[in-house]
N, C-alpha and C. Protein backbone atom coordinates (compact mmCIF):
# COMPACT_ATOMS: atom_id res chain seq x y z
N MET A 1 0.92 -1.21 0.00
CA MET A 1 -0.05 0.13 -0.25
C MET A 1 0.72 1.15 0.06
N LYS A 2 0.69 1.88 -0.42
CA LYS A 2 1.22 3.28 -1.08
C LYS A 2 0.36 4.69 -0.96
N TYR A 3 0.71 5.80 -0.50
CA TYR A 3 -0.20 7.10 -0.38
C TYR A 3 0.13 7.76 -1.66
N TYR A 4 -1.14 8.36 -2.56
CA TYR A 4 -1.41 9.02 -3.41
C TYR A 4 -2.09 10.08 -3.17
N GLU A 5 -1.15 11.29 -3.54
CA GLU A 5 -1.94 12.68 -3.36
C GLU A 5 -2.45 12.99 -4.73
N PHE A 6 -3.67 13.47 -4.84
CA PHE A 6 -4.77 14.17 -5.89
C PHE A 6 -5.59 14.77 -5.64
N THR A 7 -6.35 15.30 -6.57
CA THR A 7 -7.61 16.34 -6.25
C THR A 7 -8.50 16.16 -7.53
N LEU A 8 -9.57 15.93 -6.89
CA LEU A 8 -11.03 16.03 -7.26
C LEU A 8 -11.63 17.10 -7.65
N VAL A 9 -11.91 17.52 -8.84
CA VAL A 9 -12.44 18.72 -9.01
C VAL A 9 -13.87 18.23 -9.46
N VAL A 10 -14.87 19.32 -8.49
CA VAL A 10 -16.77 18.74 -8.62
C VAL A 10 -17.35 19.84 -8.57
N GLU A 11 -18.36 19.44 -9.64
CA GLU A 11 -19.56 20.26 -9.43
C GLU A 11 -20.16 20.21 -8.32
N SER A 12 -20.18 21.58 -7.84
CA SER A 12 -21.19 21.20 -6.30
C SER A 12 -21.77 22.68 -6.32
N PRO A 13 -22.27 23.31 -5.23
CA PRO A 13 -22.87 24.62 -4.66
C PRO A 13 -21.45 25.31 -4.43
N LYS A 14 -21.71 26.46 -4.40
CA LYS A 14 -20.46 27.47 -4.46
C LYS A 14 -19.66 27.78 -3.16
N SER A 15 -19.95 27.15 -2.04
CA SER A 15 -19.51 27.51 -0.65
C SER A 15 -19.88 26.32 -0.02
N VAL A 16 -18.52 26.20 1.00
CA VAL A 16 -18.37 25.09 2.22
C VAL A 16 -19.41 25.14 2.89
N SER A 17 -19.93 24.20 3.35
CA SER A 17 -20.74 24.36 5.00
C SER A 17 -20.33 22.96 5.75
N GLU A 18 -20.56 23.32 6.97
CA GLU A 18 -20.18 22.47 8.03
C GLU A 18 -20.71 20.83 7.55
N GLN A 19 -21.86 21.16 7.02
CA GLN A 19 -22.87 19.78 6.75
C GLN A 19 -21.89 18.95 5.49
N MET A 20 -21.40 19.67 4.57
CA MET A 20 -20.57 19.30 3.57
C MET A 20 -19.56 18.39 3.98
N GLU A 21 -18.96 18.82 4.67
CA GLU A 21 -17.48 18.60 5.27
C GLU A 21 -17.94 17.03 6.24
N ASP A 22 -18.96 17.52 6.89
CA ASP A 22 -19.41 16.03 7.71
C ASP A 22 -20.05 14.94 6.80
N ALA A 23 -20.45 15.05 5.82
CA ALA A 23 -21.15 14.01 4.84
C ALA A 23 -19.98 13.50 4.33
N LEU A 24 -18.76 14.06 3.69
CA LEU A 24 -17.89 13.73 2.57
C LEU A 24 -17.10 12.74 3.98
N PHE A 25 -16.90 13.29 5.03
CA PHE A 25 -16.00 12.37 6.11
C PHE A 25 -16.77 11.35 6.50
N GLU A 26 -18.02 11.15 6.84
CA GLU A 26 -19.05 10.31 6.59
C GLU A 26 -18.90 8.82 5.43
N ALA A 27 -18.75 9.65 4.59
CA ALA A 27 -18.76 8.97 3.29
C ALA A 27 -17.28 8.03 2.97
N GLY A 28 -16.53 8.70 3.95
CA GLY A 28 -15.27 7.79 4.01
C GLY A 28 -14.03 8.59 3.38
N CYS A 29 -14.16 10.40 3.32
CA CYS A 29 -13.31 11.08 2.64
C CYS A 29 -12.55 11.79 3.90
N ASP A 30 -12.40 10.85 4.68
CA ASP A 30 -11.55 11.16 6.22
C ASP A 30 -9.78 11.76 5.90
N ASP A 31 -9.47 11.60 4.49
CA ASP A 31 -7.96 11.88 3.93
C ASP A 31 -8.22 12.93 3.23
N ALA A 32 -9.16 13.70 3.03
CA ALA A 32 -9.60 15.00 2.09
C ALA A 32 -9.81 16.19 2.79
N LEU A 33 -9.61 17.27 2.02
CA LEU A 33 -10.19 18.58 2.40
C LEU A 33 -10.66 19.12 1.21
N LEU A 34 -11.81 19.65 1.60
CA LEU A 34 -12.41 20.25 0.54
C LEU A 34 -12.24 22.03 0.85
N SER A 35 -12.22 22.50 -0.09
CA SER A 35 -11.95 23.77 -0.78
C SER A 35 -12.49 24.44 -1.86
N PHE A 36 -12.69 25.69 -1.86
CA PHE A 36 -12.96 26.49 -3.11
C PHE A 36 -12.18 27.51 -3.57
N ARG A 37 -11.92 27.71 -4.81
CA ARG A 37 -10.80 29.16 -5.34
C ARG A 37 -11.65 29.61 -6.60
N ASN A 38 -11.77 30.50 -6.63
CA ASN A 38 -12.76 31.28 -8.04
C ASN A 38 -14.03 30.48 -7.85
N GLY A 39 -14.76 30.15 -6.86
CA GLY A 39 -15.94 29.48 -7.41
C GLY A 39 -15.73 27.90 -7.73
N ILE A 40 -14.78 27.51 -7.63
CA ILE A 40 -14.65 26.26 -7.81
C ILE A 40 -14.25 25.07 -6.75
N ALA A 41 -15.03 24.00 -6.70
CA ALA A 41 -15.46 23.28 -5.67
C ALA A 41 -14.16 22.27 -6.23
N TYR A 42 -13.38 21.73 -5.23
CA TYR A 42 -12.38 20.54 -5.56
C TYR A 42 -11.60 20.15 -3.74
N ILE A 43 -11.72 18.88 -4.02
CA ILE A 43 -11.20 18.17 -3.06
C ILE A 43 -9.79 17.05 -3.01
N GLU A 44 -8.68 17.61 -2.16
CA GLU A 44 -7.64 17.55 -2.15
C GLU A 44 -7.62 15.97 -1.48
N PHE A 45 -6.98 14.85 -1.45
CA PHE A 45 -6.95 13.67 -1.09
C PHE A 45 -5.38 13.63 -0.82
N ASP A 46 -5.09 12.59 -0.24
CA ASP A 46 -3.83 11.79 0.53
C ASP A 46 -4.51 10.58 0.83
N ARG A 47 -4.56 9.38 -0.36
CA ARG A 47 -5.18 8.07 -0.09
C ARG A 47 -4.12 7.33 -0.32
N ARG A 48 -4.31 6.28 0.71
CA ARG A 48 -3.74 5.19 0.79
C ARG A 48 -4.58 4.02 -0.18
N ALA A 49 -3.71 3.23 -0.85
CA ALA A 49 -4.22 2.35 -1.87
C ALA A 49 -3.26 1.30 -2.60
N LYS A 50 -3.75 0.33 -3.13
CA LYS A 50 -2.49 -0.33 -3.96
C LYS A 50 -2.04 0.16 -5.23
N ASP A 51 -3.16 1.38 -5.64
CA ASP A 51 -2.32 1.76 -6.91
C ASP A 51 -3.31 3.34 -7.11
N LEU A 52 -2.42 3.92 -7.94
CA LEU A 52 -3.58 5.08 -8.38
C LEU A 52 -5.00 5.29 -8.37
N GLU A 53 -5.11 4.26 -9.63
CA GLU A 53 -6.14 3.72 -9.81
C GLU A 53 -7.37 3.41 -9.05
N GLU A 54 -7.12 2.91 -7.90
CA GLU A 54 -7.89 2.27 -7.19
C GLU A 54 -8.03 3.43 -5.83
N ALA A 55 -7.14 4.31 -5.94
CA ALA A 55 -7.16 5.45 -4.76
C ALA A 55 -8.41 6.58 -5.41
N VAL A 56 -8.10 6.68 -6.63
CA VAL A 56 -8.87 7.83 -7.13
C VAL A 56 -10.87 7.01 -7.05
N ILE A 57 -10.65 5.94 -7.89
CA ILE A 57 -11.75 5.21 -8.06
C ILE A 57 -12.54 5.77 -6.84
N SER A 58 -11.80 4.95 -5.72
CA SER A 58 -12.67 4.90 -4.31
C SER A 58 -12.79 6.51 -4.12
N ALA A 59 -11.92 7.32 -4.20
CA ALA A 59 -12.44 8.84 -3.76
C ALA A 59 -13.80 9.30 -4.68
N ILE A 60 -13.40 9.01 -5.76
CA ILE A 60 -14.66 9.26 -6.42
C ILE A 60 -16.15 8.61 -6.38
N GLN A 61 -16.05 7.40 -6.04
CA GLN A 61 -17.49 6.92 -5.76
C GLN A 61 -17.61 7.50 -4.30
N GLN A 62 -16.72 7.61 -3.12
CA GLN A 62 -17.37 8.04 -1.95
C GLN A 62 -17.75 9.78 -1.96
N VAL A 63 -17.29 10.38 -2.98
CA VAL A 63 -17.43 11.76 -2.93
C VAL A 63 -19.06 11.80 -3.78
N GLU A 64 -19.30 10.97 -4.71
CA GLU A 64 -20.43 10.82 -5.43
C GLU A 64 -21.55 10.49 -4.95
N ASN A 65 -21.38 9.33 -3.56
CA ASN A 65 -22.59 8.68 -2.86
C ASN A 65 -22.27 9.21 -1.25
N ALA A 66 -21.87 10.76 -1.41
CA ALA A 66 -22.01 11.27 0.18
C ALA A 66 -23.38 11.96 0.05
N GLY A 67 -24.39 11.80 -0.80
CA GLY A 67 -25.66 12.65 -0.39
C GLY A 67 -25.67 13.97 -0.68
N LEU A 68 -24.24 14.48 -1.32
CA LEU A 68 -24.28 15.81 -1.42
C LEU A 68 -24.58 16.61 -2.98
N ASP A 69 -24.90 15.78 -3.76
CA ASP A 69 -25.32 16.23 -5.19
C ASP A 69 -23.95 16.91 -5.57
N MET A 70 -22.88 16.23 -5.42
CA MET A 70 -21.40 16.49 -6.11
C MET A 70 -21.15 15.63 -7.27
N ARG A 71 -20.69 15.92 -8.19
CA ARG A 71 -20.47 15.25 -9.13
C ARG A 71 -19.01 15.36 -9.66
N VAL A 72 -18.07 14.54 -9.66
CA VAL A 72 -16.53 14.61 -10.53
C VAL A 72 -16.49 15.04 -11.54
N LYS A 73 -15.99 16.06 -11.72
CA LYS A 73 -15.65 16.89 -12.98
C LYS A 73 -14.03 16.25 -13.65
N ARG A 74 -13.52 16.18 -12.72
CA ARG A 74 -11.90 15.71 -13.09
C ARG A 74 -10.97 15.43 -12.06
N VAL A 75 -10.01 14.94 -12.68
CA VAL A 75 -8.77 14.31 -11.28
C VAL A 75 -7.50 15.47 -11.92
N GLU A 76 -7.17 16.04 -11.01
CA GLU A 76 -5.76 16.71 -11.13
C GLU A 76 -4.73 15.80 -10.27
N PRO A 77 -3.41 15.91 -10.79
CA PRO A 77 -2.65 16.73 -11.57
C PRO A 77 -3.19 16.36 -13.20
N SER A 78 -3.22 17.07 -13.89
CA SER A 78 -3.79 17.50 -15.24
C SER A 78 -2.78 16.53 -15.82
N ASP A 79 -3.41 16.46 -17.46
CA ASP A 79 -2.35 15.33 -18.27
C ASP A 79 -1.59 16.89 -18.93
N LEU A 80 -2.69 18.00 -19.34
CA LEU A 80 -1.95 19.12 -19.99
C LEU A 80 -1.05 19.96 -19.13
N VAL A 81 0.13 20.12 -19.76
CA VAL A 81 1.08 20.96 -18.86
C VAL A 81 2.01 21.79 -19.89
N THR A 82 2.34 23.03 -19.34
CA THR A 82 3.35 24.21 -20.16
C THR A 82 4.80 23.24 -19.85
N SER A 83 5.52 23.99 -20.28
CA SER A 83 7.06 23.64 -20.36
C SER A 83 7.48 24.08 -19.01
N ALA A 84 7.13 25.04 -18.47
CA ALA A 84 7.31 25.30 -17.18
C ALA A 84 6.83 24.18 -16.03
N GLU A 85 5.60 23.77 -16.07
CA GLU A 85 5.00 22.27 -15.38
C GLU A 85 5.95 21.20 -15.72
N ILE A 86 6.65 20.82 -16.79
CA ILE A 86 7.07 19.73 -16.91
C ILE A 86 8.57 19.94 -16.35
N ALA A 87 9.21 21.19 -16.24
CA ALA A 87 10.53 21.34 -15.37
C ALA A 87 9.82 21.26 -14.05
N ARG A 88 9.26 21.45 -13.49
CA ARG A 88 8.38 21.55 -11.82
C ARG A 88 8.35 20.15 -11.49
N ARG A 89 7.61 19.47 -12.55
CA ARG A 89 7.52 18.01 -12.18
C ARG A 89 8.48 17.00 -12.30
N LEU A 90 9.52 17.62 -13.11
CA LEU A 90 10.65 16.67 -13.24
C LEU A 90 11.77 17.12 -12.22
N LYS A 91 11.62 18.39 -11.69
CA LYS A 91 12.43 18.87 -11.03
C LYS A 91 14.08 19.34 -11.34
N ARG A 92 13.59 19.88 -13.13
CA ARG A 92 14.90 20.15 -13.92
C ARG A 92 14.59 21.84 -13.98
N SER A 93 15.55 22.24 -14.47
CA SER A 93 15.30 23.82 -14.92
C SER A 93 14.33 23.97 -16.11
N ARG A 94 13.79 25.25 -16.21
CA ARG A 94 12.80 25.69 -17.52
C ARG A 94 14.39 25.56 -18.71
N GLN A 95 15.15 26.13 -18.43
CA GLN A 95 16.18 26.11 -19.48
C GLN A 95 16.48 24.73 -20.16
N SER A 96 16.67 23.80 -19.44
CA SER A 96 16.73 22.50 -19.89
C SER A 96 15.74 21.99 -20.72
N ILE A 97 14.38 21.97 -20.09
CA ILE A 97 13.41 21.85 -20.84
C ILE A 97 13.19 22.22 -22.24
N GLN A 98 13.38 23.87 -22.23
CA GLN A 98 13.23 24.45 -23.50
C GLN A 98 14.31 24.08 -24.21
N GLN A 99 15.45 23.73 -23.92
CA GLN A 99 16.43 23.23 -24.99
C GLN A 99 16.02 22.12 -25.51
N LEU A 100 15.54 20.81 -24.56
CA LEU A 100 15.01 19.67 -25.30
C LEU A 100 13.38 19.97 -26.11
N ILE A 101 12.88 20.86 -25.74
CA ILE A 101 11.90 21.34 -27.05
C ILE A 101 12.15 21.81 -28.12
N SER A 102 13.07 22.54 -28.07
CA SER A 102 13.65 23.33 -29.10
C SER A 102 14.70 22.33 -30.05
N GLY A 103 15.33 21.42 -29.44
CA GLY A 103 16.20 20.49 -30.19
C GLY A 103 17.51 20.91 -29.87
N SER A 104 17.71 22.10 -29.74
CA SER A 104 18.99 22.19 -29.23
C SER A 104 19.94 21.63 -28.22
N ARG A 105 19.31 20.56 -27.50
CA ARG A 105 19.99 19.92 -26.57
C ARG A 105 18.99 18.57 -26.79
N GLY A 106 20.17 17.01 -27.15
CA GLY A 106 19.25 16.04 -27.29
C GLY A 106 19.21 15.77 -29.01
N ILE A 107 18.45 14.86 -29.30
CA ILE A 107 18.18 14.57 -30.54
C ILE A 107 17.01 15.49 -31.73
N GLY A 108 16.48 15.73 -30.74
CA GLY A 108 15.35 16.76 -31.22
C GLY A 108 14.12 16.18 -31.69
N ASP A 109 14.04 15.08 -31.26
CA ASP A 109 12.55 14.04 -30.75
C ASP A 109 11.47 14.12 -29.81
N PHE A 110 11.41 15.67 -28.85
CA PHE A 110 10.75 15.87 -27.82
C PHE A 110 9.57 16.04 -28.52
N PRO A 111 8.43 15.23 -27.84
CA PRO A 111 7.00 15.32 -27.76
C PRO A 111 6.37 16.53 -28.73
N LEU A 112 5.74 16.57 -29.60
CA LEU A 112 4.69 17.67 -30.07
C LEU A 112 3.92 17.78 -28.91
N PRO A 113 3.67 19.52 -29.10
CA PRO A 113 2.66 19.89 -28.27
C PRO A 113 1.54 19.59 -28.66
N VAL A 114 0.37 19.40 -27.85
CA VAL A 114 -1.10 18.84 -28.16
C VAL A 114 -1.96 20.33 -28.44
N ALA A 115 -1.37 21.29 -27.92
CA ALA A 115 -2.25 22.75 -28.07
C ALA A 115 -1.26 23.83 -27.84
N GLY A 116 -1.74 24.69 -28.70
CA GLY A 116 -0.96 25.92 -28.41
C GLY A 116 -0.04 26.35 -29.44
N VAL A 117 0.29 25.69 -30.57
CA VAL A 117 1.43 25.86 -31.08
C VAL A 117 1.36 27.14 -32.16
N THR A 118 0.57 27.66 -32.07
CA THR A 118 -0.11 29.06 -32.65
C THR A 118 -0.23 29.90 -31.84
N SER A 119 -0.29 29.71 -30.57
CA SER A 119 -0.35 30.57 -29.46
C SER A 119 0.65 30.84 -28.61
N LYS A 120 1.06 31.69 -27.62
CA LYS A 120 2.13 32.03 -26.87
C LYS A 120 2.36 30.66 -26.08
N THR A 121 1.31 30.04 -25.35
CA THR A 121 1.68 29.12 -24.46
C THR A 121 1.25 27.73 -25.03
N MET A 122 2.68 26.99 -25.16
CA MET A 122 2.02 25.45 -25.96
C MET A 122 1.81 24.44 -24.75
N LEU A 123 1.06 23.70 -24.90
CA LEU A 123 0.80 22.35 -24.03
C LEU A 123 1.07 21.21 -24.55
N TRP A 124 1.50 20.50 -23.72
CA TRP A 124 1.82 19.24 -24.01
C TRP A 124 1.02 17.77 -23.01
N SER A 125 0.94 16.74 -23.49
CA SER A 125 0.86 15.95 -22.63
C SER A 125 1.53 15.03 -21.87
N TRP A 126 1.48 15.34 -20.52
CA TRP A 126 2.35 14.58 -19.47
C TRP A 126 2.56 13.47 -19.97
N GLN A 127 1.46 12.40 -20.08
CA GLN A 127 1.72 11.15 -20.54
C GLN A 127 2.73 10.75 -21.37
N GLU A 128 2.52 11.64 -22.60
CA GLU A 128 3.71 11.65 -23.73
C GLU A 128 5.26 12.16 -23.05
N VAL A 129 5.27 13.14 -22.67
CA VAL A 129 6.64 13.45 -22.00
C VAL A 129 6.86 12.48 -20.95
N ALA A 130 6.28 12.49 -20.15
CA ALA A 130 6.76 11.19 -19.02
C ALA A 130 7.25 9.99 -19.67
N GLY A 131 6.28 9.70 -20.59
CA GLY A 131 6.73 8.16 -21.45
C GLY A 131 8.09 8.76 -22.13
N TRP A 132 8.29 9.58 -23.00
CA TRP A 132 9.56 10.03 -23.44
C TRP A 132 10.75 10.15 -22.74
N PHE A 133 10.77 10.73 -21.35
CA PHE A 133 11.58 10.79 -20.32
C PHE A 133 12.10 9.61 -20.12
N LEU A 134 10.89 8.29 -19.64
CA LEU A 134 11.57 7.34 -19.59
C LEU A 134 12.09 6.54 -20.73
N GLN A 135 11.40 6.60 -22.02
CA GLN A 135 12.41 5.76 -22.92
C GLN A 135 13.42 6.66 -23.05
N LYS A 136 14.06 7.47 -22.95
CA LYS A 136 15.49 8.16 -23.00
C LYS A 136 15.68 7.77 -21.99
N GLN A 137 15.71 7.30 -21.12
CA GLN A 137 16.53 7.08 -19.62
C GLN A 137 16.67 8.16 -18.85
N LYS A 138 15.77 9.27 -18.99
CA LYS A 138 16.30 10.22 -18.25
C LYS A 138 15.67 10.26 -17.09
N ILE A 139 14.37 9.71 -16.66
CA ILE A 139 13.99 9.23 -15.46
C ILE A 139 13.70 7.90 -15.46
N ASN A 140 14.31 7.28 -14.36
CA ASN A 140 14.20 5.82 -13.58
C ASN A 140 12.66 5.39 -13.02
N ASP A 141 11.72 6.46 -12.72
CA ASP A 141 10.73 5.84 -11.84
C ASP A 141 9.67 5.49 -12.75
N LYS A 142 9.17 4.24 -13.44
CA LYS A 142 8.33 3.90 -14.41
C LYS A 142 7.05 4.30 -13.75
N THR A 143 6.94 4.46 -12.23
CA THR A 143 5.40 4.95 -12.11
C THR A 143 5.18 6.29 -12.46
N MET A 144 5.99 7.04 -12.43
CA MET A 144 5.58 8.34 -12.96
C MET A 144 4.91 8.38 -14.20
N TYR A 145 5.32 7.45 -15.22
CA TYR A 145 4.69 7.35 -16.46
C TYR A 145 3.19 6.58 -16.46
N GLU A 146 3.24 5.28 -15.49
CA GLU A 146 2.10 4.86 -15.12
C GLU A 146 1.34 5.70 -14.62
N ASP A 147 1.34 6.41 -13.69
CA ASP A 147 0.18 7.25 -13.26
C ASP A 147 0.09 8.55 -13.87
N ALA A 148 0.88 8.73 -14.89
CA ALA A 148 0.42 10.00 -15.94
C ALA A 148 -0.56 8.94 -16.95
N LYS A 149 -0.30 8.01 -17.11
CA LYS A 149 -1.18 7.08 -17.97
C LYS A 149 -2.55 7.32 -17.54
N THR A 150 -2.75 6.65 -16.21
CA THR A 150 -3.78 6.44 -15.11
C THR A 150 -4.69 7.61 -15.31
N LEU A 151 -4.21 8.68 -15.11
CA LEU A 151 -4.72 10.23 -14.71
C LEU A 151 -5.53 10.38 -15.93
N LYS A 152 -4.73 10.34 -16.88
CA LYS A 152 -5.21 10.67 -18.45
C LYS A 152 -6.30 9.63 -18.73
N GLN A 153 -6.32 8.23 -18.49
CA GLN A 153 -7.31 7.95 -18.67
C GLN A 153 -8.66 7.78 -17.85
N LEU A 154 -8.31 8.33 -16.74
CA LEU A 154 -9.51 8.46 -15.60
C LEU A 154 -10.09 9.92 -16.01
N ASN A 155 -9.44 10.89 -16.66
CA ASN A 155 -10.11 11.90 -17.17
C ASN A 155 -10.69 11.93 -18.26
N GLU A 156 -10.34 11.12 -19.03
CA GLU A 156 -11.01 10.59 -20.58
C GLU A 156 -12.51 10.14 -20.16
N SER A 157 -12.01 9.20 -19.49
CA SER A 157 -13.60 8.53 -18.84
C SER A 157 -14.52 9.29 -18.31
N LEU A 158 -13.94 10.32 -17.25
CA LEU A 158 -14.97 11.20 -16.93
C LEU A 158 -15.37 11.98 -17.76
N ASP A 159 -14.65 12.47 -18.94
CA ASP A 159 -15.45 13.53 -19.96
C ASP A 159 -16.61 12.47 -20.71
N VAL A 160 -16.14 11.43 -21.08
CA VAL A 160 -17.19 10.49 -21.49
C VAL A 160 -18.20 10.57 -20.82
N ARG A 161 -18.35 10.58 -19.51
CA ARG A 161 -19.19 10.12 -18.77
C ARG A 161 -20.04 11.13 -18.59
N HIS A 162 -19.78 12.54 -18.50
CA HIS A 162 -20.26 13.72 -18.52
C HIS A 162 -21.33 13.71 -19.98
N ASN A 163 -20.72 13.61 -21.02
CA ASN A 163 -21.34 13.80 -22.25
C ASN A 163 -21.53 12.24 -22.79
N LYS A 164 -22.69 11.76 -22.92
CA LYS A 164 -23.45 10.60 -23.32
C LYS A 164 -23.01 10.41 -25.00
N ASN A 165 -23.11 11.74 -25.91
CA ASN A 165 -22.81 11.65 -26.86
C ASN A 165 -21.42 11.35 -27.35
N GLN A 166 -20.40 12.06 -26.46
CA GLN A 166 -19.02 12.16 -26.80
C GLN A 166 -18.70 10.80 -27.40
N LEU A 167 -18.94 9.57 -26.75
CA LEU A 167 -18.24 8.06 -26.88
C LEU A 167 -18.93 8.29 -28.73
N LYS A 168 -19.75 8.17 -28.90
CA LYS A 168 -20.66 7.92 -30.10
C LYS A 168 -19.74 8.60 -30.99
N ASN A 169 -19.48 10.36 -31.00
CA ASN A 169 -19.15 10.79 -31.81
C ASN A 169 -17.51 10.31 -32.32
N ILE A 170 -17.00 9.89 -31.13
CA ILE A 170 -15.43 9.63 -31.11
C ILE A 170 -15.21 8.37 -32.02
N GLN A 171 -16.44 7.43 -31.71
CA GLN A 171 -16.43 6.32 -32.78
C GLN A 171 -16.58 6.48 -34.00
N ARG A 172 -17.81 7.47 -34.35
CA ARG A 172 -17.84 7.85 -35.63
C ARG A 172 -16.47 8.81 -36.61
N ILE A 173 -16.19 9.47 -35.59
CA ILE A 173 -15.00 10.31 -36.57
C ILE A 173 -13.81 9.45 -36.75
N THR A 174 -13.28 8.16 -35.50
CA THR A 174 -12.64 7.34 -35.83
C THR A 174 -12.95 6.46 -37.08
N LYS A 175 -13.91 6.04 -37.11
CA LYS A 175 -14.28 5.37 -38.33
C LYS A 175 -14.11 6.09 -39.42
N LEU A 176 -14.55 7.60 -39.87
CA LEU A 176 -14.10 8.58 -40.90
C LEU A 176 -12.53 8.75 -41.17
N LEU A 177 -11.76 8.47 -39.99
CA LEU A 177 -10.06 8.53 -40.25
C LEU A 177 -9.63 7.49 -40.58
N LYS A 178 -10.07 6.36 -40.32
CA LYS A 178 -9.76 5.11 -40.96
C LYS A 178 -10.10 4.72 -42.29
N SER A 179 -11.24 5.39 -42.77
CA SER A 179 -11.67 4.95 -44.17
C SER A 179 -10.72 6.25 -44.65
N ALA A 180 -10.44 7.41 -44.60
CA ALA A 180 -9.52 8.21 -45.05
C ALA A 180 -8.08 7.97 -45.41
N LYS A 181 -7.88 6.78 -44.23
CA LYS A 181 -6.68 6.19 -44.33
C LYS A 181 -6.39 5.40 -45.49
N ALA A 182 -7.64 4.66 -45.13
CA ALA A 182 -7.71 3.80 -46.49
C ALA A 182 -7.57 4.20 -47.78
N GLU A 183 -8.24 4.94 -48.37
CA GLU A 183 -8.52 5.73 -49.49
C GLU A 183 -7.10 6.59 -49.78
N MET A 184 -6.09 6.66 -48.88
CA MET A 184 -5.19 7.17 -49.31
C MET A 184 -4.14 6.20 -49.44
N VAL A 185 -4.10 4.83 -49.47
CA VAL A 185 -3.10 3.68 -49.74
C VAL A 185 -3.59 2.92 -51.05
């Protein structure tokens, strides 16, 4: 068993009440702290479990079954990261990350950003970045990559759960993209 730190962002009333905290505690969230920032409710956990997936899913179940009309929207830390966040998570300098991104250090195969190429701030997938660092043997901790993959999959599942038509649209578009690729061959 290991301790996992993560945050659940929830849709809920805009302020904390003692009844909310009590209900969460009674539902099993005695390892959590309910907070609000800019009107957004979030619950920070320090949960002991066999793996991150078990920790997060058990927390989601407890929060949503606490009788508070709370629904988990997403889990943080997020998969989307800036170059500064990459440096922070890896305990490296921003300059070393910028050099890897630009190709002035290494062989120039750093993962492409997933968003922001035409804007001031580019965003990368933490899962892809952690996987790249693991593959290049720049980190030795495989759990960093595994946890990144788990969090990304959990958030994608939460997105699909919140929008019932999303899965159908993803399947439809995937089918169109496969047929477009087949036509090119």
